[in-house]
Amino acid sequence: MSLDGYVDDRTDQRLRLSGDADADRVDELRASCDAILVGAATIRADNPVLLLRSQGRRDLRTAAGLAPDPVRVVISGSGVLDPAARLFNTSGDRIVYVASHALAGAKERLGASSEIVDARDPLELGRVVADLAARGVSRLLVEGGGRTHTQFLVAGLADELQLSVAPFFVGDSAAPRFVADGRFPWDQTHRARLTEVTRAGDMAVLKYALSGRYDALPQLPSWPR
């Protein structure tokens, strides 16, 4: 996010917050996870591919008996997603969780490009997380966007928050923030625990423990460049 808490501006061009060092840090984090999750709004706005950038990290995952890239996961209550989006037209496994009423339409729209899963109506994040765990996903990276961040945090489903702060301001109160309004488990009487402060280029990277599960998390493997 920016120094004043925004993750984008209101122009048609995507605001680039991360520098090269932070982008590489995120790629290393992706490589250490079993799946990457985004909301439908991120697919529509940014058209991400969500594949690893480093071939060396992909090779290391393959040597460890893993798929070259983490599973890519999308949550969408409506199931209205563009089948021409880059995520649906690149290699790798994809799972799309939709609300029950949108199941048939999503299957027709996306065809065989993804596995479409019923997440009840309205869509239940707890059901999504449980289903991913049953599939062997033990480390899930939730990348965005703001509504998805808000939903996971408000529900208390996150164990760790990694927050990169870019050294500039956006200065527009109508621009999208990191999270929307919500009743978060952390407030002045229940503070998140700061576990690490590092730098990635000109950005500060803050890591917070958000749950009692945090200290039991397995040590991340090293995924070199």
C-alpha atoms as a PDB file:
ATOM      1  CA  MET A   1       0.000   0.000   0.000  1.00  0.00           C
ATOM      2  CA  SER A   2       0.998   3.657  -0.232  1.00  0.00           C
ATOM      3  CA  LEU A   3       2.074   5.676   2.796  1.00  0.00           C
ATOM      4  CA  ASP A   4      -1.530   6.819   3.175  1.00  0.00           C
ATOM      5  CA  GLY A   5      -3.009   3.320   2.902  1.00  0.00           C
ATOM      6  CA  TYR A   6      -4.139   3.060  -0.729  1.00  0.00           C
ATOM      7  CA  VAL A   7      -3.572   0.139  -3.105  1.00  0.00           C
ATOM      8  CA  ASP A   8      -4.462   1.958  -6.334  1.00  0.00           C
ATOM      9  CA  ASP A   9      -5.526   5.321  -7.694  1.00  0.00           C
ATOM     10  CA  ARG A  10      -8.533   6.213  -9.825  1.00  0.00           C
ATOM     11  CA  THR A  11      -6.840   6.353 -13.227  1.00  0.00           C
ATOM     12  CA  ASP A  12      -7.315   3.706 -15.919  1.00  0.00           C
ATOM     13  CA  GLN A  13      -3.711   2.627 -15.484  1.00  0.00           C
ATOM     14  CA  ARG A  14      -2.775   0.263 -12.671  1.00  0.00           C
ATOM     15  CA  LEU A  15      -0.754   2.005  -9.965  1.00  0.00           C
ATOM     16  CA  ARG A  16       2.607   0.284  -9.518  1.00  0.00           C
ATOM     17  CA  LEU A  17       3.361   0.226  -5.815  1.00  0.00           C
ATOM     18  CA  SER A  18       6.018  -2.499  -5.624  1.00  0.00           C
ATOM     19  CA  GLY A  19       9.568  -1.988  -6.785  1.00  0.00           C
ATOM     20  CA  ASP A  20      11.625  -4.769  -8.335  1.00  0.00           C
ATOM     21  CA  ALA A  21      12.949  -6.009  -4.983  1.00  0.00           C
ATOM     22  CA  ASP A  22       9.477  -6.299  -3.478  1.00  0.00           C
ATOM     23  CA  ALA A  23       8.111  -7.997  -6.606  1.00  0.00           C
ATOM     24  CA  ASP A  24      10.888 -10.577  -6.274  1.00  0.00           C
ATOM     25  CA  ARG A  25      10.063 -11.032  -2.579  1.00  0.00           C
ATOM     26  CA  VAL A  26       6.430 -11.718  -3.486  1.00  0.00           C
ATOM     27  CA  ASP A  27       7.533 -14.215  -6.139  1.00  0.00           C
ATOM     28  CA  GLU A  28       9.559 -16.068  -3.496  1.00  0.00           C
ATOM     29  CA  LEU A  29       6.540 -16.043  -1.194  1.00  0.00           C
ATOM     30  CA  ARG A  30       4.319 -17.399  -3.960  1.00  0.00           C
ATOM     31  CA  ALA A  31       6.779 -20.214  -4.605  1.00  0.00           C
ATOM     32  CA  SER A  32       6.548 -21.298  -0.962  1.00  0.00           C
ATOM     33  CA  CYS A  33       2.744 -21.590  -1.024  1.00  0.00           C
ATOM     34  CA  ASP A  34       0.410 -24.299  -2.242  1.00  0.00           C
ATOM     35  CA  ALA A  35      -2.173 -21.938  -3.708  1.00  0.00           C
ATOM     36  CA  ILE A  36      -2.745 -18.256  -4.529  1.00  0.00           C
ATOM     37  CA  LEU A  37      -6.228 -16.783  -4.115  1.00  0.00           C
ATOM     38  CA  VAL A  38      -7.758 -13.616  -5.546  1.00  0.00           C
ATOM     39  CA  GLY A  39     -11.257 -12.245  -5.839  1.00  0.00           C
ATOM     40  CA  ALA A  40     -13.160 -11.827  -9.089  1.00  0.00           C
ATOM     41  CA  ALA A  41     -12.711  -8.041  -8.986  1.00  0.00           C
ATOM     42  CA  THR A  42      -8.933  -8.494  -9.216  1.00  0.00           C
ATOM     43  CA  ILE A  43      -9.335 -10.642 -12.332  1.00  0.00           C
ATOM     44  CA  ARG A  44     -11.557  -8.005 -13.930  1.00  0.00           C
ATOM     45  CA  ALA A  45      -9.405  -5.004 -12.975  1.00  0.00           C
ATOM     46  CA  ASP A  46      -5.837  -6.311 -13.279  1.00  0.00           C
ATOM     47  CA  ASN A  47      -6.098  -9.434 -15.459  1.00  0.00           C
ATOM     48  CA  PRO A  48      -3.237 -11.156 -13.547  1.00  0.00           C
ATOM     49  CA  VAL A  49      -1.680 -14.438 -14.609  1.00  0.00           C
ATOM     50  CA  LEU A  50      -0.481 -15.411 -11.067  1.00  0.00           C
ATOM     51  CA  LEU A  51       2.373 -17.626 -12.276  1.00  0.00           C
ATOM     52  CA  LEU A  52       5.879 -17.563 -10.801  1.00  0.00           C
ATOM     53  CA  ARG A  53       8.273 -15.191 -12.507  1.00  0.00           C
ATOM     54  CA  SER A  54      11.446 -17.084 -11.609  1.00  0.00           C
ATOM     55  CA  GLN A  55      12.134 -20.200 -13.646  1.00  0.00           C
ATOM     56  CA  GLY A  56      14.662 -21.225 -10.990  1.00  0.00           C
ATOM     57  CA  ARG A  57      11.930 -21.329  -8.362  1.00  0.00           C
ATOM     58  CA  ARG A  58       9.667 -23.268 -10.690  1.00  0.00           C
ATOM     59  CA  ASP A  59      12.449 -25.781 -11.303  1.00  0.00           C
ATOM     60  CA  LEU A  60      13.043 -26.134  -7.570  1.00  0.00           C
ATOM     61  CA  ARG A  61       9.346 -26.830  -6.955  1.00  0.00           C
ATOM     62  CA  THR A  62       9.387 -29.459  -9.694  1.00  0.00           C
ATOM     63  CA  ALA A  63      12.483 -31.097  -8.186  1.00  0.00           C
ATOM     64  CA  ALA A  64      10.640 -31.245  -4.848  1.00  0.00           C
ATOM     65  CA  GLY A  65       7.791 -33.167  -6.478  1.00  0.00           C
ATOM     66  CA  LEU A  66       5.447 -30.157  -6.662  1.00  0.00           C
ATOM     67  CA  ALA A  67       3.679 -28.565  -9.597  1.00  0.00           C
ATOM     68  CA  PRO A  68       5.806 -25.797 -11.169  1.00  0.00           C
ATOM     69  CA  ASP A  69       3.318 -23.164  -9.983  1.00  0.00           C
ATOM     70  CA  PRO A  70       0.919 -22.974  -7.040  1.00  0.00           C
ATOM     71  CA  VAL A  71      -2.752 -23.695  -7.701  1.00  0.00           C
ATOM     72  CA  ARG A  72      -4.598 -20.513  -8.703  1.00  0.00           C
ATOM     73  CA  VAL A  73      -7.879 -19.914  -6.912  1.00  0.00           C
ATOM     74  CA  VAL A  74     -10.634 -17.388  -7.659  1.00  0.00           C
ATOM     75  CA  ILE A  75     -13.674 -16.622  -5.521  1.00  0.00           C
ATOM     76  CA  SER A  76     -16.703 -15.127  -7.256  1.00  0.00           C
ATOM     77  CA  GLY A  77     -20.206 -14.922  -5.877  1.00  0.00           C
ATOM     78  CA  SER A  78     -21.688 -14.245  -9.315  1.00  0.00           C
ATOM     79  CA  GLY A  79     -19.424 -16.536 -11.338  1.00  0.00           C
ATOM     80  CA  VAL A  80     -19.277 -13.830 -14.007  1.00  0.00           C
ATOM     81  CA  LEU A  81     -15.681 -14.067 -15.194  1.00  0.00           C
ATOM     82  CA  ASP A  82     -14.201 -13.476 -18.632  1.00  0.00           C
ATOM     83  CA  PRO A  83     -13.019 -16.793 -20.123  1.00  0.00           C
ATOM     84  CA  ALA A  84     -10.507 -14.784 -22.165  1.00  0.00           C
ATOM     85  CA  ALA A  85      -8.726 -13.565 -18.997  1.00  0.00           C
ATOM     86  CA  ARG A  86      -5.047 -14.519 -18.893  1.00  0.00           C
ATOM     87  CA  LEU A  87      -5.456 -16.676 -15.809  1.00  0.00           C
ATOM     88  CA  PHE A  88      -7.799 -19.020 -17.709  1.00  0.00           C
ATOM     89  CA  ASN A  89      -5.544 -19.269 -20.744  1.00  0.00           C
ATOM     90  CA  THR A  90      -2.218 -20.272 -19.243  1.00  0.00           C
ATOM     91  CA  SER A  91      -0.922 -23.572 -17.920  1.00  0.00           C
ATOM     92  CA  GLY A  92      -1.478 -24.725 -14.360  1.00  0.00           C
ATOM     93  CA  ASP A  93      -4.317 -25.780 -12.100  1.00  0.00           C
ATOM     94  CA  ARG A  94      -7.256 -23.439 -11.460  1.00  0.00           C
ATOM     95  CA  ILE A  95     -10.174 -23.654  -9.033  1.00  0.00           C
ATOM     96  CA  VAL A  96     -13.083 -21.207  -9.100  1.00  0.00           C
ATOM     97  CA  TYR A  97     -15.422 -21.078  -6.099  1.00  0.00           C
ATOM     98  CA  VAL A  98     -18.847 -19.615  -6.804  1.00  0.00           C
ATOM     99  CA  ALA A  99     -22.168 -19.230  -5.014  1.00  0.00           C
ATOM    100  CA  SER A 100     -24.637 -22.066  -5.581  1.00  0.00           C
ATOM    101  CA  HIS A 101     -26.937 -20.050  -7.832  1.00  0.00           C
ATOM    102  CA  ALA A 102     -24.022 -19.221 -10.156  1.00  0.00           C
ATOM    103  CA  LEU A 103     -22.661 -22.758 -10.499  1.00  0.00           C
ATOM    104  CA  ALA A 104     -24.310 -23.738 -13.796  1.00  0.00           C
ATOM    105  CA  GLY A 105     -23.553 -20.411 -15.455  1.00  0.00           C
ATOM    106  CA  ALA A 106     -19.910 -20.460 -14.391  1.00  0.00           C
ATOM    107  CA  LYS A 107     -19.435 -23.992 -15.713  1.00  0.00           C
ATOM    108  CA  GLU A 108     -20.934 -22.999 -19.043  1.00  0.00           C
ATOM    109  CA  ARG A 109     -18.907 -19.795 -19.227  1.00  0.00           C
ATOM    110  CA  LEU A 110     -15.501 -21.169 -18.215  1.00  0.00           C
ATOM    111  CA  GLY A 111     -15.845 -24.638 -19.720  1.00  0.00           C
ATOM    112  CA  ALA A 112     -12.979 -26.979 -19.002  1.00  0.00           C
ATOM    113  CA  SER A 113     -10.478 -24.224 -18.170  1.00  0.00           C
ATOM    114  CA  SER A 114     -11.075 -24.538 -14.417  1.00  0.00           C
ATOM    115  CA  GLU A 115     -12.660 -26.699 -11.789  1.00  0.00           C
ATOM    116  CA  ILE A 116     -15.835 -24.944 -10.640  1.00  0.00           C
ATOM    117  CA  VAL A 117     -16.837 -25.588  -7.016  1.00  0.00           C
ATOM    118  CA  ASP A 118     -20.055 -24.785  -5.188  1.00  0.00           C
ATOM    119  CA  ALA A 119     -19.295 -22.610  -2.124  1.00  0.00           C
ATOM    120  CA  ARG A 120     -22.932 -22.277  -1.021  1.00  0.00           C
ATOM    121  CA  ASP A 121     -25.197 -19.247  -1.242  1.00  0.00           C
ATOM    122  CA  PRO A 122     -24.008 -16.737  -0.243  1.00  0.00           C
ATOM    123  CA  LEU A 123     -20.432 -17.827  -0.827  1.00  0.00           C
ATOM    124  CA  GLU A 124     -18.830 -19.081   2.423  1.00  0.00           C
ATOM    125  CA  LEU A 125     -15.121 -18.450   2.864  1.00  0.00           C
ATOM    126  CA  GLY A 126     -14.917 -21.077   5.589  1.00  0.00           C
ATOM    127  CA  ARG A 127     -16.160 -23.651   3.106  1.00  0.00           C
ATOM    128  CA  VAL A 128     -13.579 -22.484   0.560  1.00  0.00           C
ATOM    129  CA  VAL A 129     -10.716 -22.809   3.044  1.00  0.00           C
ATOM    130  CA  ALA A 130     -11.916 -26.222   4.256  1.00  0.00           C
ATOM    131  CA  ASP A 131     -12.200 -27.530   0.709  1.00  0.00           C
ATOM    132  CA  LEU A 132      -8.705 -26.293  -0.151  1.00  0.00           C
ATOM    133  CA  ALA A 133      -7.312 -27.950   2.982  1.00  0.00           C
ATOM    134  CA  ALA A 134      -8.950 -31.219   1.936  1.00  0.00           C
ATOM    135  CA  ARG A 135      -7.132 -30.892  -1.391  1.00  0.00           C
ATOM    136  CA  GLY A 136      -3.769 -30.622   0.378  1.00  0.00           C
ATOM    137  CA  VAL A 137      -3.432 -26.847   0.429  1.00  0.00           C
ATOM    138  CA  SER A 138      -1.731 -26.057   3.738  1.00  0.00           C
ATOM    139  CA  ARG A 139      -0.341 -22.625   2.820  1.00  0.00           C
ATOM    140  CA  LEU A 140      -2.739 -20.275   1.045  1.00  0.00           C
ATOM    141  CA  LEU A 141      -1.599 -16.847  -0.140  1.00  0.00           C
ATOM    142  CA  VAL A 142      -4.490 -14.375  -0.360  1.00  0.00           C
ATOM    143  CA  GLU A 143      -3.314 -11.637  -2.723  1.00  0.00           C
ATOM    144  CA  GLY A 144      -6.406  -9.469  -3.052  1.00  0.00           C
ATOM    145  CA  GLY A 145      -8.179  -7.368  -3.766  1.00  0.00           C
ATOM    146  CA  GLY A 146      -9.452  -5.123  -1.014  1.00  0.00           C
ATOM    147  CA  ARG A 147     -12.849  -6.779  -0.603  1.00  0.00           C
ATOM    148  CA  THR A 148     -11.244 -10.213  -0.416  1.00  0.00           C
ATOM    149  CA  HIS A 149      -8.677  -8.994   2.114  1.00  0.00           C
ATOM    150  CA  THR A 150     -11.479  -7.526   4.204  1.00  0.00           C
ATOM    151  CA  GLN A 151     -13.542 -10.719   4.122  1.00  0.00           C
ATOM    152  CA  PHE A 152     -10.650 -12.970   5.182  1.00  0.00           C
ATOM    153  CA  LEU A 153      -9.493 -10.623   7.931  1.00  0.00           C
ATOM    154  CA  VAL A 154     -12.942  -9.926   9.363  1.00  0.00           C
ATOM    155  CA  ALA A 155     -13.621 -13.678   9.423  1.00  0.00           C
ATOM    156  CA  GLY A 156     -10.391 -14.316  11.363  1.00  0.00           C
ATOM    157  CA  LEU A 157      -9.147 -16.739   8.712  1.00  0.00           C
ATOM    158  CA  ALA A 158      -5.675 -15.217   8.262  1.00  0.00           C
ATOM    159  CA  ASP A 159      -2.671 -16.352  10.280  1.00  0.00           C
ATOM    160  CA  GLU A 160      -0.179 -13.792   8.990  1.00  0.00           C
ATOM    161  CA  LEU A 161      -0.323 -10.376   7.355  1.00  0.00           C
ATOM    162  CA  GLN A 162       2.538  -9.166   5.178  1.00  0.00           C
ATOM    163  CA  LEU A 163       2.244  -5.483   4.365  1.00  0.00           C
ATOM    164  CA  SER A 164       4.615  -3.675   1.985  1.00  0.00           C
ATOM    165  CA  VAL A 165       4.605   0.108   2.241  1.00  0.00           C
ATOM    166  CA  ALA A 166       5.607   2.135  -0.815  1.00  0.00           C
ATOM    167  CA  PRO A 167       7.355   5.467  -0.127  1.00  0.00           C
ATOM    168  CA  PHE A 168       4.784   7.798  -1.672  1.00  0.00           C
ATOM    169  CA  PHE A 169       1.262   9.145  -1.170  1.00  0.00           C
ATOM    170  CA  VAL A 170      -1.844   8.752  -3.332  1.00  0.00           C
ATOM    171  CA  GLY A 171      -3.821  11.517  -1.656  1.00  0.00           C
ATOM    172  CA  ASP A 172      -7.268  10.646  -3.019  1.00  0.00           C
ATOM    173  CA  SER A 173      -9.926   9.607  -0.490  1.00  0.00           C
ATOM    174  CA  ALA A 174     -11.975   7.986  -3.269  1.00  0.00           C
ATOM    175  CA  ALA A 175      -9.144   5.637  -4.295  1.00  0.00           C
ATOM    176  CA  PRO A 176      -9.292   1.986  -3.142  1.00  0.00           C
ATOM    177  CA  ARG A 177      -7.732   1.192   0.208  1.00  0.00           C
ATOM    178  CA  PHE A 178      -6.037  -1.967   1.438  1.00  0.00           C
ATOM    179  CA  VAL A 179      -9.244  -2.975   3.260  1.00  0.00           C
ATOM    180  CA  ALA A 180     -12.831  -1.713   3.393  1.00  0.00           C
ATOM    181  CA  ASP A 181     -14.905  -1.012   6.499  1.00  0.00           C
ATOM    182  CA  GLY A 182     -15.454  -3.975   8.799  1.00  0.00           C
ATOM    183  CA  ARG A 183     -15.408  -5.313  12.350  1.00  0.00           C
ATOM    184  CA  PHE A 184     -11.855  -6.636  12.539  1.00  0.00           C
ATOM    185  CA  PRO A 185     -10.656  -8.882  15.376  1.00  0.00           C
ATOM    186  CA  TRP A 186      -7.730  -6.503  16.039  1.00  0.00           C
ATOM    187  CA  ASP A 187      -8.349  -3.161  17.713  1.00  0.00           C
ATOM    188  CA  GLN A 188      -6.814  -1.029  20.471  1.00  0.00           C
ATOM    189  CA  THR A 189      -7.552  -3.740  23.034  1.00  0.00           C
ATOM    190  CA  HIS A 190      -6.437  -6.659  20.845  1.00  0.00           C
ATOM    191  CA  ARG A 191      -3.346  -5.640  18.932  1.00  0.00           C
ATOM    192  CA  ALA A 192      -1.792  -7.715  16.165  1.00  0.00           C
ATOM    193  CA  ARG A 193       1.726  -8.909  17.009  1.00  0.00           C
ATOM    194  CA  LEU A 194       4.506  -7.420  14.902  1.00  0.00           C
ATOM    195  CA  THR A 195       6.967 -10.229  14.157  1.00  0.00           C
ATOM    196  CA  GLU A 196       9.382  -8.756  11.630  1.00  0.00           C
ATOM    197  CA  VAL A 197      10.326  -5.509   9.897  1.00  0.00           C
ATOM    198  CA  THR A 198      12.538  -5.687   6.803  1.00  0.00           C
ATOM    199  CA  ARG A 199      13.143  -3.684   3.664  1.00  0.00           C
ATOM    200  CA  ALA A 200      12.774  -4.598   0.009  1.00  0.00           C
ATOM    201  CA  GLY A 201      14.476  -1.926  -2.022  1.00  0.00           C
ATOM    202  CA  ASP A 202      12.863   1.355  -1.000  1.00  0.00           C
ATOM    203  CA  MET A 203       9.860  -0.360   0.628  1.00  0.00           C
ATOM    204  CA  ALA A 204       9.234  -1.350   4.239  1.00  0.00           C
ATOM    205  CA  VAL A 205       7.852  -4.868   4.749  1.00  0.00           C
ATOM    206  CA  LEU A 206       5.909  -5.461   7.961  1.00  0.00           C
ATOM    207  CA  LYS A 207       4.878  -8.932   9.120  1.00  0.00           C
ATOM    208  CA  TYR A 208       2.174  -9.481  11.735  1.00  0.00           C
ATOM    209  CA  ALA A 209       0.982 -12.603  13.530  1.00  0.00           C
ATOM    210  CA  LEU A 210      -2.810 -12.614  13.426  1.00  0.00           C
ATOM    211  CA  SER A 211      -3.798 -15.905  15.024  1.00  0.00           C
ATOM    212  CA  GLY A 212      -2.839 -18.411  17.658  1.00  0.00           C
ATOM    213  CA  ARG A 213      -1.982 -20.751  14.793  1.00  0.00           C
ATOM    214  CA  TYR A 214       0.900 -18.530  13.669  1.00  0.00           C
ATOM    215  CA  ASP A 215       3.634 -19.978  15.882  1.00  0.00           C
ATOM    216  CA  ALA A 216       2.734 -23.505  14.778  1.00  0.00           C
ATOM    217  CA  LEU A 217       3.158 -22.707  11.099  1.00  0.00           C
ATOM    218  CA  PRO A 218       5.922 -24.724   9.379  1.00  0.00           C
ATOM    219  CA  GLN A 219       9.129 -22.935   8.521  1.00  0.00           C
ATOM    220  CA  LEU A 220       9.056 -21.649   4.968  1.00  0.00           C
ATOM    221  CA  PRO A 221      11.440 -23.394   2.574  1.00  0.00           C
ATOM    222  CA  SER A 222      14.104 -21.360   0.809  1.00  0.00           C
ATOM    223  CA  TRP A 223      13.307 -20.751  -2.864  1.00  0.00           C
ATOM    224  CA  PRO A 224      16.359 -19.093  -4.466  1.00  0.00           C
ATOM    225  CA  ARG A 225      16.225 -16.809  -7.448  1.00  0.00           C
END
